[in-house]
Amino acid sequence: MSRFFDSDVVRESLKELDDLQKEIFHEMFELPFFSKEKKKEHLGKMKLFLEKQKNFIFRISLSDDPDAIEMKNTILESAQMFGIGPVNNVSILFEKMEKSIDALEKSLDD
């Protein structure tokens, strides 16, 4: 394991992200049956997850650790799989993701 990923703070952040991601993923199967309020709650979890991701990526961006740099590049490449399109800037990635969540939230209010 690298210096970056040896940090207790980093490992705890990764665990929080993993736990929240699993919770969001499991709810996806029931989402069509959720009430409007439950859907808004789900979107709130997605926003929290996104905020935690932003903090984690910011931490990665400050590191010169090769494993951290590799993870950042992998995240940017993975964005394409989610329809974000090619991005080379983490800020643009998160901006697009926030807009997508905001649009979903707005559609619930219509």
PDB file of N, CA and C in Angstrom:
ATOM      1  N   MET A   1       0.852  -1.166   0.000  1.00  0.00           N
ATOM      2  CA  MET A   1       0.000   0.000   0.000  1.00  0.00           C
ATOM      3  C   MET A   1       0.904   1.238   0.000  1.00  0.00           C
ATOM      4  N   SER A   2       0.444   2.297  -0.618  1.00  0.00           N
ATOM      5  CA  SER A   2       1.249   3.505  -0.746  1.00  0.00           C
ATOM      6  C   SER A   2       1.157   4.367   0.504  1.00  0.00           C
ATOM      7  N   ARG A   3       1.972   5.391   0.549  1.00  0.00           N
ATOM      8  CA  ARG A   3       1.946   6.323   1.681  1.00  0.00           C
ATOM      9  C   ARG A   3       0.575   6.966   1.806  1.00  0.00           C
ATOM     10  N   PHE A   4       0.008   7.373   0.677  1.00  0.00           N
ATOM     11  CA  PHE A   4      -1.285   8.055   0.687  1.00  0.00           C
ATOM     12  C   PHE A   4      -2.364   7.166   1.300  1.00  0.00           C
ATOM     13  N   PHE A   5      -2.424   5.939   0.861  1.00  0.00           N
ATOM     14  CA  PHE A   5      -3.475   5.030   1.313  1.00  0.00           C
ATOM     15  C   PHE A   5      -3.176   4.393   2.671  1.00  0.00           C
ATOM     16  N   ASP A   6      -2.007   4.667   3.225  1.00  0.00           N
ATOM     17  CA  ASP A   6      -1.681   4.216   4.586  1.00  0.00           C
ATOM     18  C   ASP A   6      -2.328   5.106   5.646  1.00  0.00           C
ATOM     19  N   SER A   7      -2.719   6.291   5.253  1.00  0.00           N
ATOM     20  CA  SER A   7      -3.277   7.258   6.196  1.00  0.00           C
ATOM     21  C   SER A   7      -4.622   6.782   6.755  1.00  0.00           C
ATOM     22  N   ASP A   8      -4.777   6.894   8.079  1.00  0.00           N
ATOM     23  CA  ASP A   8      -6.045   6.527   8.713  1.00  0.00           C
ATOM     24  C   ASP A   8      -7.193   7.398   8.196  1.00  0.00           C
ATOM     25  N   VAL A   9      -6.914   8.672   7.979  1.00  0.00           N
ATOM     26  CA  VAL A   9      -7.945   9.591   7.482  1.00  0.00           C
ATOM     27  C   VAL A   9      -8.414   9.159   6.092  1.00  0.00           C
ATOM     28  N   VAL A  10      -7.490   8.804   5.245  1.00  0.00           N
ATOM     29  CA  VAL A  10      -7.823   8.368   3.887  1.00  0.00           C
ATOM     30  C   VAL A  10      -8.605   7.057   3.931  1.00  0.00           C
ATOM     31  N   ARG A  11      -8.157   6.133   4.739  1.00  0.00           N
ATOM     32  CA  ARG A  11      -8.867   4.845   4.832  1.00  0.00           C
ATOM     33  C   ARG A  11     -10.281   5.024   5.375  1.00  0.00           C
ATOM     34  N   GLU A  12     -10.460   5.906   6.345  1.00  0.00           N
ATOM     35  CA  GLU A  12     -11.791   6.174   6.893  1.00  0.00           C
ATOM     36  C   GLU A  12     -12.682   6.835   5.837  1.00  0.00           C
ATOM     37  N   SER A  13     -12.114   7.754   5.075  1.00  0.00           N
ATOM     38  CA  SER A  13     -12.871   8.396   3.988  1.00  0.00           C
ATOM     39  C   SER A  13     -13.322   7.373   2.955  1.00  0.00           C
ATOM     40  N   LEU A  14     -12.430   6.472   2.610  1.00  0.00           N
ATOM     41  CA  LEU A  14     -12.770   5.424   1.651  1.00  0.00           C
ATOM     42  C   LEU A  14     -13.872   4.518   2.179  1.00  0.00           C
ATOM     43  N   LYS A  15     -13.824   4.209   3.468  1.00  0.00           N
ATOM     44  CA  LYS A  15     -14.856   3.363   4.067  1.00  0.00           C
ATOM     45  C   LYS A  15     -16.207   4.079   4.048  1.00  0.00           C
ATOM     46  N   GLU A  16     -16.222   5.354   4.406  1.00  0.00           N
ATOM     47  CA  GLU A  16     -17.461   6.129   4.375  1.00  0.00           C
ATOM     48  C   GLU A  16     -18.043   6.160   2.966  1.00  0.00           C
ATOM     49  N   LEU A  17     -17.190   6.402   1.987  1.00  0.00           N
ATOM     50  CA  LEU A  17     -17.642   6.427   0.595  1.00  0.00           C
ATOM     51  C   LEU A  17     -18.203   5.071   0.178  1.00  0.00           C
ATOM     52  N   ASP A  18     -17.509   4.023   0.553  1.00  0.00           N
ATOM     53  CA  ASP A  18     -17.947   2.677   0.199  1.00  0.00           C
ATOM     54  C   ASP A  18     -19.299   2.352   0.835  1.00  0.00           C
ATOM     55  N   ASP A  19     -19.444   2.663   2.113  1.00  0.00           N
ATOM     56  CA  ASP A  19     -20.710   2.372   2.806  1.00  0.00           C
ATOM     57  C   ASP A  19     -21.875   3.147   2.189  1.00  0.00           C
ATOM     58  N   LEU A  20     -21.653   4.429   1.926  1.00  0.00           N
ATOM     59  CA  LEU A  20     -22.712   5.251   1.346  1.00  0.00           C
ATOM     60  C   LEU A  20     -23.041   4.798  -0.073  1.00  0.00           C
ATOM     61  N   GLN A  21     -22.027   4.440  -0.835  1.00  0.00           N
ATOM     62  CA  GLN A  21     -22.246   3.963  -2.199  1.00  0.00           C
ATOM     63  C   GLN A  21     -23.071   2.677  -2.189  1.00  0.00           C
ATOM     64  N   LYS A  22     -22.776   1.775  -1.283  1.00  0.00           N
ATOM     65  CA  LYS A  22     -23.544   0.530  -1.185  1.00  0.00           C
ATOM     66  C   LYS A  22     -24.997   0.814  -0.835  1.00  0.00           C
ATOM     67  N   GLU A  23     -25.218   1.732   0.084  1.00  0.00           N
ATOM     68  CA  GLU A  23     -26.582   2.092   0.481  1.00  0.00           C
ATOM     69  C   GLU A  23     -27.355   2.674  -0.702  1.00  0.00           C
ATOM     70  N   ILE A  24     -26.725   3.586  -1.433  1.00  0.00           N
ATOM     71  CA  ILE A  24     -27.360   4.198  -2.598  1.00  0.00           C
ATOM     72  C   ILE A  24     -27.646   3.135  -3.654  1.00  0.00           C
ATOM     73  N   PHE A  25     -26.693   2.275  -3.893  1.00  0.00           N
ATOM     74  CA  PHE A  25     -26.860   1.224  -4.903  1.00  0.00           C
ATOM     75  C   PHE A  25     -28.017   0.295  -4.563  1.00  0.00           C
ATOM     76  N   HIS A  26     -28.110  -0.126  -3.317  1.00  0.00           N
ATOM     77  CA  HIS A  26     -29.187  -1.041  -2.923  1.00  0.00           C
ATOM     78  C   HIS A  26     -30.558  -0.389  -3.047  1.00  0.00           C
ATOM     79  N   GLU A  27     -30.615   0.904  -2.798  1.00  0.00           N
ATOM     80  CA  GLU A  27     -31.892   1.610  -2.935  1.00  0.00           C
ATOM     81  C   GLU A  27     -32.321   1.746  -4.393  1.00  0.00           C
ATOM     82  N   MET A  28     -31.378   1.683  -5.305  1.00  0.00           N
ATOM     83  CA  MET A  28     -31.698   1.860  -6.730  1.00  0.00           C
ATOM     84  C   MET A  28     -32.737   0.849  -7.203  1.00  0.00           C
ATOM     85  N   PHE A  29     -32.709  -0.349  -6.656  1.00  0.00           N
ATOM     86  CA  PHE A  29     -33.642  -1.384  -7.083  1.00  0.00           C
ATOM     87  C   PHE A  29     -35.076  -1.085  -6.640  1.00  0.00           C
ATOM     88  N   GLU A  30     -35.212  -0.375  -5.542  1.00  0.00           N
ATOM     89  CA  GLU A  30     -36.532  -0.054  -5.007  1.00  0.00           C
ATOM     90  C   GLU A  30     -36.996   1.341  -5.409  1.00  0.00           C
ATOM     91  N   LEU A  31     -36.129   2.117  -5.997  1.00  0.00           N
ATOM     92  CA  LEU A  31     -36.404   3.516  -6.314  1.00  0.00           C
ATOM     93  C   LEU A  31     -37.713   3.754  -7.065  1.00  0.00           C
ATOM     94  N   PRO A  32     -38.064   2.935  -8.046  1.00  0.00           N
ATOM     95  CA  PRO A  32     -39.329   3.177  -8.760  1.00  0.00           C
ATOM     96  C   PRO A  32     -40.559   3.099  -7.851  1.00  0.00           C
ATOM     97  N   PHE A  33     -40.421   2.442  -6.734  1.00  0.00           N
ATOM     98  CA  PHE A  33     -41.550   2.259  -5.820  1.00  0.00           C
ATOM     99  C   PHE A  33     -41.543   3.262  -4.666  1.00  0.00           C
ATOM    100  N   PHE A  34     -40.529   4.111  -4.605  1.00  0.00           N
ATOM    101  CA  PHE A  34     -40.412   5.097  -3.535  1.00  0.00           C
ATOM    102  C   PHE A  34     -41.434   6.209  -3.691  1.00  0.00           C
ATOM    103  N   SER A  35     -41.856   6.754  -2.561  1.00  0.00           N
ATOM    104  CA  SER A  35     -42.689   7.955  -2.578  1.00  0.00           C
ATOM    105  C   SER A  35     -41.811   9.128  -3.016  1.00  0.00           C
ATOM    106  N   LYS A  36     -42.446  10.234  -3.315  1.00  0.00           N
ATOM    107  CA  LYS A  36     -41.721  11.435  -3.725  1.00  0.00           C
ATOM    108  C   LYS A  36     -40.730  11.855  -2.638  1.00  0.00           C
ATOM    109  N   GLU A  37     -41.157  11.809  -1.387  1.00  0.00           N
ATOM    110  CA  GLU A  37     -40.278  12.198  -0.279  1.00  0.00           C
ATOM    111  C   GLU A  37     -39.094  11.251  -0.140  1.00  0.00           C
ATOM    112  N   LYS A  38     -39.336   9.971  -0.310  1.00  0.00           N
ATOM    113  CA  LYS A  38     -38.256   8.979  -0.217  1.00  0.00           C
ATOM    114  C   LYS A  38     -37.257   9.169  -1.372  1.00  0.00           C
ATOM    115  N   LYS A  39     -37.772   9.546  -2.553  1.00  0.00           N
ATOM    116  CA  LYS A  39     -36.885   9.819  -3.686  1.00  0.00           C
ATOM    117  C   LYS A  39     -36.015  11.031  -3.388  1.00  0.00           C
ATOM    118  N   LYS A  40     -36.603  12.058  -2.768  1.00  0.00           N
ATOM    119  CA  LYS A  40     -35.823  13.242  -2.403  1.00  0.00           C
ATOM    120  C   LYS A  40     -34.750  12.882  -1.376  1.00  0.00           C
ATOM    121  N   GLU A  41     -35.096  12.016  -0.464  1.00  0.00           N
ATOM    122  CA  GLU A  41     -34.140  11.538   0.533  1.00  0.00           C
ATOM    123  C   GLU A  41     -32.975  10.819  -0.156  1.00  0.00           C
ATOM    124  N   HIS A  42     -33.317  10.008  -1.142  1.00  0.00           N
ATOM    125  CA  HIS A  42     -32.302   9.278  -1.900  1.00  0.00           C
ATOM    126  C   HIS A  42     -31.373  10.267  -2.620  1.00  0.00           C
ATOM    127  N   LEU A  43     -31.948  11.297  -3.229  1.00  0.00           N
ATOM    128  CA  LEU A  43     -31.131  12.305  -3.903  1.00  0.00           C
ATOM    129  C   LEU A  43     -30.250  13.045  -2.894  1.00  0.00           C
ATOM    130  N   GLY A  44     -30.746  13.231  -1.686  1.00  0.00           N
ATOM    131  CA  GLY A  44     -29.933  13.839  -0.631  1.00  0.00           C
ATOM    132  C   GLY A  44     -28.716  12.992  -0.315  1.00  0.00           C
ATOM    133  N   LYS A  45     -28.900  11.683  -0.305  1.00  0.00           N
ATOM    134  CA  LYS A  45     -27.764  10.774  -0.079  1.00  0.00           C
ATOM    135  C   LYS A  45     -26.772  10.864  -1.230  1.00  0.00           C
ATOM    136  N   MET A  46     -27.306  11.016  -2.442  1.00  0.00           N
ATOM    137  CA  MET A  46     -26.430  11.150  -3.606  1.00  0.00           C
ATOM    138  C   MET A  46     -25.611  12.441  -3.504  1.00  0.00           C
ATOM    139  N   LYS A  47     -26.246  13.517  -3.042  1.00  0.00           N
ATOM    140  CA  LYS A  47     -25.526  14.783  -2.869  1.00  0.00           C
ATOM    141  C   LYS A  47     -24.441  14.651  -1.796  1.00  0.00           C
ATOM    142  N   LEU A  48     -24.769  13.985  -0.702  1.00  0.00           N
ATOM    143  CA  LEU A  48     -23.793  13.763   0.358  1.00  0.00           C
ATOM    144  C   LEU A  48     -22.618  12.938  -0.168  1.00  0.00           C
ATOM    145  N   PHE A  49     -22.931  11.900  -0.918  1.00  0.00           N
ATOM    146  CA  PHE A  49     -21.893  11.056  -1.518  1.00  0.00           C
ATOM    147  C   PHE A  49     -21.001  11.889  -2.435  1.00  0.00           C
ATOM    148  N   LEU A  50     -21.612  12.744  -3.243  1.00  0.00           N
ATOM    149  CA  LEU A  50     -20.860  13.589  -4.163  1.00  0.00           C
ATOM    150  C   LEU A  50     -19.947  14.548  -3.397  1.00  0.00           C
ATOM    151  N   GLU A  51     -20.456  15.115  -2.319  1.00  0.00           N
ATOM    152  CA  GLU A  51     -19.653  16.035  -1.507  1.00  0.00           C
ATOM    153  C   GLU A  51     -18.452  15.301  -0.886  1.00  0.00           C
ATOM    154  N   LYS A  52     -18.687  14.097  -0.395  1.00  0.00           N
ATOM    155  CA  LYS A  52     -17.595  13.303   0.180  1.00  0.00           C
ATOM    156  C   LYS A  52     -16.580  12.924  -0.907  1.00  0.00           C
ATOM    157  N   GLN A  53     -17.080  12.640  -2.103  1.00  0.00           N
ATOM    158  CA  GLN A  53     -16.175  12.337  -3.215  1.00  0.00           C
ATOM    159  C   GLN A  53     -15.317  13.553  -3.548  1.00  0.00           C
ATOM    160  N   LYS A  54     -15.945  14.720  -3.587  1.00  0.00           N
ATOM    161  CA  LYS A  54     -15.190  15.941  -3.892  1.00  0.00           C
ATOM    162  C   LYS A  54     -14.057  16.144  -2.891  1.00  0.00           C
ATOM    163  N   ASN A  55     -14.366  15.958  -1.626  1.00  0.00           N
ATOM    164  CA  ASN A  55     -13.338  16.114  -0.594  1.00  0.00           C
ATOM    165  C   ASN A  55     -12.213  15.105  -0.773  1.00  0.00           C
ATOM    166  N   PHE A  56     -12.597  13.875  -1.101  1.00  0.00           N
ATOM    167  CA  PHE A  56     -11.595  12.833  -1.283  1.00  0.00           C
ATOM    168  C   PHE A  56     -10.722  13.121  -2.504  1.00  0.00           C
ATOM    169  N   ILE A  57     -11.339  13.524  -3.600  1.00  0.00           N
ATOM    170  CA  ILE A  57     -10.586  13.825  -4.822  1.00  0.00           C
ATOM    171  C   ILE A  57      -9.673  15.026  -4.596  1.00  0.00           C
ATOM    172  N   PHE A  58     -10.169  15.999  -3.840  1.00  0.00           N
ATOM    173  CA  PHE A  58      -9.314  17.151  -3.516  1.00  0.00           C
ATOM    174  C   PHE A  58      -8.066  16.666  -2.772  1.00  0.00           C
ATOM    175  N   ARG A  59      -8.265  15.777  -1.836  1.00  0.00           N
ATOM    176  CA  ARG A  59      -7.141  15.224  -1.074  1.00  0.00           C
ATOM    177  C   ARG A  59      -6.179  14.481  -2.012  1.00  0.00           C
ATOM    178  N   ILE A  60      -6.727  13.704  -2.932  1.00  0.00           N
ATOM    179  CA  ILE A  60      -5.902  12.980  -3.905  1.00  0.00           C
ATOM    180  C   ILE A  60      -5.110  13.962  -4.763  1.00  0.00           C
ATOM    181  N   SER A  61      -5.780  15.039  -5.186  1.00  0.00           N
ATOM    182  CA  SER A  61      -5.143  16.015  -6.077  1.00  0.00           C
ATOM    183  C   SER A  61      -3.940  16.697  -5.435  1.00  0.00           C
ATOM    184  N   LEU A  62      -3.931  16.761  -4.118  1.00  0.00           N
ATOM    185  CA  LEU A  62      -2.806  17.395  -3.414  1.00  0.00           C
ATOM    186  C   LEU A  62      -1.628  16.447  -3.216  1.00  0.00           C
ATOM    187  N   SER A  63      -1.846  15.181  -3.489  1.00  0.00           N
ATOM    188  CA  SER A  63      -0.809  14.182  -3.240  1.00  0.00           C
ATOM    189  C   SER A  63       0.063  13.966  -4.467  1.00  0.00           C
ATOM    190  N   ASP A  64       1.336  13.702  -4.199  1.00  0.00           N
ATOM    191  CA  ASP A  64       2.250  13.329  -5.282  1.00  0.00           C
ATOM    192  C   ASP A  64       2.497  11.822  -5.298  1.00  0.00           C
ATOM    193  N   ASP A  65       1.740  11.106  -4.464  1.00  0.00           N
ATOM    194  CA  ASP A  65       1.857   9.656  -4.396  1.00  0.00           C
ATOM    195  C   ASP A  65       1.405   9.052  -5.724  1.00  0.00           C
ATOM    196  N   PRO A  66       2.201   8.168  -6.331  1.00  0.00           N
ATOM    197  CA  PRO A  66       1.843   7.573  -7.625  1.00  0.00           C
ATOM    198  C   PRO A  66       0.496   6.837  -7.603  1.00  0.00           C
ATOM    199  N   ASP A  67       0.172   6.164  -6.511  1.00  0.00           N
ATOM    200  CA  ASP A  67      -1.106   5.453  -6.432  1.00  0.00           C
ATOM    201  C   ASP A  67      -2.279   6.427  -6.385  1.00  0.00           C
ATOM    202  N   ALA A  68      -2.094   7.541  -5.707  1.00  0.00           N
ATOM    203  CA  ALA A  68      -3.151   8.559  -5.646  1.00  0.00           C
ATOM    204  C   ALA A  68      -3.363   9.180  -7.026  1.00  0.00           C
ATOM    205  N   ILE A  69      -2.289   9.470  -7.721  1.00  0.00           N
ATOM    206  CA  ILE A  69      -2.374  10.039  -9.063  1.00  0.00           C
ATOM    207  C   ILE A  69      -3.066   9.058 -10.005  1.00  0.00           C
ATOM    208  N   GLU A  70      -2.717   7.798  -9.883  1.00  0.00           N
ATOM    209  CA  GLU A  70      -3.342   6.768 -10.723  1.00  0.00           C
ATOM    210  C   GLU A  70      -4.848   6.676 -10.436  1.00  0.00           C
ATOM    211  N   MET A  71      -5.226   6.744  -9.162  1.00  0.00           N
ATOM    212  CA  MET A  71      -6.639   6.676  -8.813  1.00  0.00           C
ATOM    213  C   MET A  71      -7.396   7.871  -9.397  1.00  0.00           C
ATOM    214  N   LYS A  72      -6.815   9.049  -9.313  1.00  0.00           N
ATOM    215  CA  LYS A  72      -7.452  10.247  -9.873  1.00  0.00           C
ATOM    216  C   LYS A  72      -7.680  10.070 -11.371  1.00  0.00           C
ATOM    217  N   ASN A  73      -6.679   9.592 -12.082  1.00  0.00           N
ATOM    218  CA  ASN A  73      -6.805   9.374 -13.522  1.00  0.00           C
ATOM    219  C   ASN A  73      -7.873   8.323 -13.838  1.00  0.00           C
ATOM    220  N   THR A  74      -7.936   7.284 -13.029  1.00  0.00           N
ATOM    221  CA  THR A  74      -8.946   6.238 -13.221  1.00  0.00           C
ATOM    222  C   THR A  74     -10.345   6.809 -13.026  1.00  0.00           C
ATOM    223  N   ILE A  75     -10.515   7.660 -12.031  1.00  0.00           N
ATOM    224  CA  ILE A  75     -11.820   8.282 -11.775  1.00  0.00           C
ATOM    225  C   ILE A  75     -12.239   9.127 -12.966  1.00  0.00           C
ATOM    226  N   LEU A  76     -11.316   9.915 -13.500  1.00  0.00           N
ATOM    227  CA  LEU A  76     -11.635  10.746 -14.665  1.00  0.00           C
ATOM    228  C   LEU A  76     -12.007   9.895 -15.876  1.00  0.00           C
ATOM    229  N   GLU A  77     -11.283   8.806 -16.076  1.00  0.00           N
ATOM    230  CA  GLU A  77     -11.593   7.909 -17.190  1.00  0.00           C
ATOM    231  C   GLU A  77     -12.940   7.226 -16.987  1.00  0.00           C
ATOM    232  N   SER A  78     -13.247   6.881 -15.752  1.00  0.00           N
ATOM    233  CA  SER A  78     -14.508   6.201 -15.444  1.00  0.00           C
ATOM    234  C   SER A  78     -15.714   7.105 -15.662  1.00  0.00           C
ATOM    235  N   ALA A  79     -15.506   8.392 -15.601  1.00  0.00           N
ATOM    236  CA  ALA A  79     -16.608   9.336 -15.786  1.00  0.00           C
ATOM    237  C   ALA A  79     -17.287   9.116 -17.137  1.00  0.00           C
ATOM    238  N   GLN A  80     -16.522   8.704 -18.109  1.00  0.00           N
ATOM    239  CA  GLN A  80     -17.077   8.459 -19.443  1.00  0.00           C
ATOM    240  C   GLN A  80     -18.092   7.319 -19.433  1.00  0.00           C
ATOM    241  N   MET A  81     -17.889   6.336 -18.579  1.00  0.00           N
ATOM    242  CA  MET A  81     -18.816   5.201 -18.501  1.00  0.00           C
ATOM    243  C   MET A  81     -20.184   5.633 -17.989  1.00  0.00           C
ATOM    244  N   PHE A  82     -20.226   6.743 -17.255  1.00  0.00           N
ATOM    245  CA  PHE A  82     -21.468   7.227 -16.687  1.00  0.00           C
ATOM    246  C   PHE A  82     -22.090   8.334 -17.528  1.00  0.00           C
ATOM    247  N   GLY A  83     -21.616   8.468 -18.755  1.00  0.00           N
ATOM    248  CA  GLY A  83     -22.204   9.427 -19.673  1.00  0.00           C
ATOM    249  C   GLY A  83     -21.782  10.861 -19.415  1.00  0.00           C
ATOM    250  N   ILE A  84     -20.773  11.064 -18.614  1.00  0.00           N
ATOM    251  CA  ILE A  84     -20.308  12.420 -18.322  1.00  0.00           C
ATOM    252  C   ILE A  84     -19.544  12.973 -19.520  1.00  0.00           C
ATOM    253  N   GLY A  85     -18.940  12.105 -20.285  1.00  0.00           N
ATOM    254  CA  GLY A  85     -18.133  12.543 -21.414  1.00  0.00           C
ATOM    255  C   GLY A  85     -16.692  12.692 -20.974  1.00  0.00           C
ATOM    256  N   PRO A  86     -15.818  12.912 -21.929  1.00  0.00           N
ATOM    257  CA  PRO A  86     -14.408  13.025 -21.574  1.00  0.00           C
ATOM    258  C   PRO A  86     -14.154  14.305 -20.769  1.00  0.00           C
ATOM    259  N   VAL A  87     -13.481  14.150 -19.649  1.00  0.00           N
ATOM    260  CA  VAL A  87     -13.099  15.304 -18.836  1.00  0.00           C
ATOM    261  C   VAL A  87     -11.654  15.139 -18.396  1.00  0.00           C
ATOM    262  N   ASN A  88     -10.970  16.259 -18.268  1.00  0.00           N
ATOM    263  CA  ASN A  88      -9.597  16.199 -17.772  1.00  0.00           C
ATOM    264  C   ASN A  88      -9.452  17.057 -16.524  1.00  0.00           C
ATOM    265  N   ASN A  89     -10.580  17.508 -16.013  1.00  0.00           N
ATOM    266  CA  ASN A  89     -10.587  18.364 -14.845  1.00  0.00           C
ATOM    267  C   ASN A  89     -11.636  17.848 -13.871  1.00  0.00           C
ATOM    268  N   VAL A  90     -11.235  17.599 -12.654  1.00  0.00           N
ATOM    269  CA  VAL A  90     -12.138  17.047 -11.653  1.00  0.00           C
ATOM    270  C   VAL A  90     -13.291  18.008 -11.350  1.00  0.00           C
ATOM    271  N   SER A  91     -13.016  19.299 -11.357  1.00  0.00           N
ATOM    272  CA  SER A  91     -14.064  20.284 -11.078  1.00  0.00           C
ATOM    273  C   SER A  91     -15.189  20.192 -12.100  1.00  0.00           C
ATOM    274  N   ILE A  92     -14.843  20.010 -13.359  1.00  0.00           N
ATOM    275  CA  ILE A  92     -15.849  19.888 -14.415  1.00  0.00           C
ATOM    276  C   ILE A  92     -16.664  18.620 -14.204  1.00  0.00           C
ATOM    277  N   LEU A  93     -16.000  17.551 -13.831  1.00  0.00           N
ATOM    278  CA  LEU A  93     -16.687  16.289 -13.564  1.00  0.00           C
ATOM    279  C   LEU A  93     -17.745  16.485 -12.481  1.00  0.00           C
ATOM    280  N   PHE A  94     -17.371  17.075 -11.362  1.00  0.00           N
ATOM    281  CA  PHE A  94     -18.307  17.252 -10.260  1.00  0.00           C
ATOM    282  C   PHE A  94     -19.405  18.252 -10.598  1.00  0.00           C
ATOM    283  N   GLU A  95     -19.071  19.265 -11.368  1.00  0.00           N
ATOM    284  CA  GLU A  95     -20.080  20.234 -11.788  1.00  0.00           C
ATOM    285  C   GLU A  95     -21.161  19.541 -12.626  1.00  0.00           C
ATOM    286  N   LYS A  96     -20.752  18.674 -13.519  1.00  0.00           N
ATOM    287  CA  LYS A  96     -21.706  17.945 -14.350  1.00  0.00           C
ATOM    288  C   LYS A  96     -22.558  16.991 -13.509  1.00  0.00           C
ATOM    289  N   MET A  97     -21.932  16.356 -12.546  1.00  0.00           N
ATOM    290  CA  MET A  97     -22.673  15.433 -11.681  1.00  0.00           C
ATOM    291  C   MET A  97     -23.683  16.194 -10.820  1.00  0.00           C
ATOM    292  N   GLU A  98     -23.288  17.345 -10.293  1.00  0.00           N
ATOM    293  CA  GLU A  98     -24.201  18.157  -9.486  1.00  0.00           C
ATOM    294  C   GLU A  98     -25.395  18.620 -10.317  1.00  0.00           C
ATOM    295  N   LYS A  99     -25.136  19.022 -11.552  1.00  0.00           N
ATOM    296  CA  LYS A  99     -26.226  19.461 -12.435  1.00  0.00           C
ATOM    297  C   LYS A  99     -27.199  18.311 -12.703  1.00  0.00           C
ATOM    298  N   SER A 100     -26.681  17.119 -12.855  1.00  0.00           N
ATOM    299  CA  SER A 100     -27.541  15.956 -13.090  1.00  0.00           C
ATOM    300  C   SER A 100     -28.440  15.687 -11.882  1.00  0.00           C
ATOM    301  N   ILE A 101     -27.881  15.754 -10.695  1.00  0.00           N
ATOM    302  CA  ILE A 101     -28.672  15.531  -9.479  1.00  0.00           C
ATOM    303  C   ILE A 101     -29.693  16.645  -9.311  1.00  0.00           C
ATOM    304  N   ASP A 102     -29.286  17.896  -9.570  1.00  0.00           N
ATOM    305  CA  ASP A 102     -30.214  19.022  -9.462  1.00  0.00           C
ATOM    306  C   ASP A 102     -31.385  18.867 -10.440  1.00  0.00           C
ATOM    307  N   ALA A 103     -31.089  18.396 -11.651  1.00  0.00           N
ATOM    308  CA  ALA A 103     -32.155  18.186 -12.635  1.00  0.00           C
ATOM    309  C   ALA A 103     -33.119  17.110 -12.174  1.00  0.00           C
ATOM    310  N   LEU A 104     -32.611  16.047 -11.582  1.00  0.00           N
ATOM    311  CA  LEU A 104     -33.476  14.997 -11.052  1.00  0.00           C
ATOM    312  C   LEU A 104     -34.350  15.532  -9.922  1.00  0.00           C
ATOM    313  N   GLU A 105     -33.747  16.342  -9.082  1.00  0.00           N
ATOM    314  CA  GLU A 105     -34.487  16.923  -7.959  1.00  0.00           C
ATOM    315  C   GLU A 105     -35.597  17.857  -8.479  1.00  0.00           C
ATOM    316  N   LYS A 106     -35.275  18.633  -9.481  1.00  0.00           N
ATOM    317  CA  LYS A 106     -36.257  19.555 -10.076  1.00  0.00           C
ATOM    318  C   LYS A 106     -37.409  18.776 -10.712  1.00  0.00           C
ATOM    319  N   SER A 107     -37.088  17.662 -11.333  1.00  0.00           N
ATOM    320  CA  SER A 107     -38.132  16.860 -11.977  1.00  0.00           C
ATOM    321  C   SER A 107     -39.113  16.295 -10.957  1.00  0.00           C
ATOM    322  N   LEU A 108     -38.672  16.095  -9.734  1.00  0.00           N
ATOM    323  CA  LEU A 108     -39.569  15.615  -8.676  1.00  0.00           C
ATOM    324  C   LEU A 108     -40.531  16.718  -8.225  1.00  0.00           C
ATOM    325  N   ASP A 109     -40.082  17.964  -8.355  1.00  0.00           N
ATOM    326  CA  ASP A 109     -40.912  19.084  -7.937  1.00  0.00           C
ATOM    327  C   ASP A 109     -41.944  19.484  -8.989  1.00  0.00           C
ATOM    328  N   ASP A 110     -41.731  19.071 -10.207  1.00  0.00           N
ATOM    329  CA  ASP A 110     -42.669  19.434 -11.305  1.00  0.00           C
ATOM    330  C   ASP A 110     -43.952  18.632 -11.239  1.00  0.00           C
TER     331      ASP A 110
END
